[in-house]
Amino acid sequence: MWTLQDAKNRFSAVVDAALSGRPQEVSRRGKPAVVVLSAAEYQRLLRAAGGERGSFRAHLLAFPAGPALPEPRATARPRDVSF
């Protein structure tokens, strides 16, 4: 993992490593911040993510059928409050 400062100073090395098929992680203030990867790998990930996703309508219709009637409402009454 590269620190942000090291990645800035050696950006060509970061890009070369990413192009050779090894995604490069960069941290900021000791915490993982970003990953540099090749454009080809990024496109592959986008295609893979898009292929698995169906429509939102299909997602909703895939839920098992619930009760035909809505749940009954609570019968609790509000308490009297004097101001």
Protein backbone atom coordinates (compact mmCIF):
# COMPACT_ATOMS: atom_id res chain seq x y z
CA MET A 1 0.00 0.00 0.00
CA TRP A 2 1.27 3.43 -0.94
CA THR A 3 0.98 6.49 1.24
CA LEU A 4 -0.56 9.44 -0.57
CA GLN A 5 2.71 11.37 -0.54
CA ASP A 6 4.66 8.39 -1.94
CA ALA A 7 2.01 7.83 -4.61
CA LYS A 8 2.27 11.50 -5.64
CA ASN A 9 6.05 11.33 -5.81
CA ARG A 10 6.10 8.06 -7.75
CA PHE A 11 2.87 8.29 -9.72
CA SER A 12 4.44 6.75 -12.83
CA ALA A 13 5.38 3.66 -10.80
CA VAL A 14 1.84 3.45 -9.40
CA VAL A 15 0.36 3.63 -12.91
CA ASP A 16 2.86 1.12 -14.33
CA ALA A 17 2.04 -1.38 -11.58
CA ALA A 18 -1.70 -0.92 -12.14
CA LEU A 19 -1.27 -1.41 -15.89
CA SER A 20 0.62 -4.64 -15.28
CA GLY A 21 -2.46 -6.08 -13.58
CA ARG A 22 -1.75 -5.27 -9.93
CA PRO A 23 -4.23 -2.74 -8.48
CA GLN A 24 -2.44 -0.23 -6.26
CA GLU A 25 -3.91 0.82 -2.93
CA VAL A 26 -3.25 4.33 -1.64
CA SER A 27 -3.78 5.42 1.96
CA ARG A 28 -4.42 8.86 3.37
CA ARG A 29 -3.60 9.59 7.00
CA GLY A 30 -3.04 5.88 7.61
CA LYS A 31 -6.45 4.76 6.31
CA PRO A 32 -7.16 3.13 2.92
CA ALA A 33 -8.41 5.85 0.55
CA VAL A 34 -8.37 4.77 -3.11
CA VAL A 35 -7.33 1.99 -5.46
CA VAL A 36 -5.63 2.71 -8.79
CA LEU A 37 -6.36 0.11 -11.45
CA SER A 38 -6.10 -0.13 -15.20
CA ALA A 39 -8.89 1.17 -17.42
CA ALA A 40 -9.38 -2.33 -18.83
CA GLU A 41 -9.87 -3.79 -15.33
CA TYR A 42 -12.27 -0.96 -14.46
CA GLN A 43 -14.36 -1.65 -17.58
CA ARG A 44 -14.40 -5.37 -16.77
CA LEU A 45 -15.69 -4.63 -13.27
CA LEU A 46 -18.40 -2.33 -14.65
CA ARG A 47 -19.57 -4.97 -17.11
CA ALA A 48 -19.62 -7.64 -14.40
CA ALA A 49 -21.60 -5.44 -12.01
CA GLY A 50 -24.09 -4.38 -14.67
CA GLY A 51 -24.71 -7.90 -15.88
CA GLU A 52 -25.90 -9.16 -12.50
CA ARG A 53 -28.30 -6.33 -11.89
CA GLY A 54 -31.90 -6.66 -13.04
CA SER A 55 -34.59 -4.04 -13.09
CA PHE A 56 -36.00 -2.61 -9.87
CA ARG A 57 -39.46 -3.79 -10.93
CA ALA A 58 -38.22 -7.37 -11.28
CA HIS A 59 -36.57 -7.09 -7.87
CA LEU A 60 -39.84 -6.04 -6.23
CA LEU A 61 -41.84 -8.72 -8.01
CA ALA A 62 -39.39 -11.37 -6.80
CA PHE A 63 -40.43 -10.84 -3.16
CA PRO A 64 -42.66 -13.59 -1.78
CA ALA A 65 -46.32 -12.64 -1.47
CA GLY A 66 -47.19 -11.31 1.94
CA PRO A 67 -50.57 -11.15 3.67
CA ALA A 68 -53.38 -9.86 1.46
CA LEU A 69 -54.54 -7.36 4.06
CA PRO A 70 -52.37 -4.74 5.73
CA GLU A 71 -51.39 -5.20 9.35
CA PRO A 72 -54.00 -3.86 11.78
CA ARG A 73 -53.25 -0.47 13.24
CA ALA A 74 -52.37 -0.07 16.88
CA THR A 75 -55.34 0.69 19.12
CA ALA A 76 -53.43 2.72 21.71
CA ARG A 77 -54.98 6.08 22.43
CA PRO A 78 -52.90 9.19 23.13
CA ARG A 79 -52.84 10.32 26.72
CA ASP A 80 -54.26 13.62 27.88
CA VAL A 81 -51.63 16.28 28.43
CA SER A 82 -52.31 19.56 30.17
CA PHE A 83 -50.19 22.63 29.49
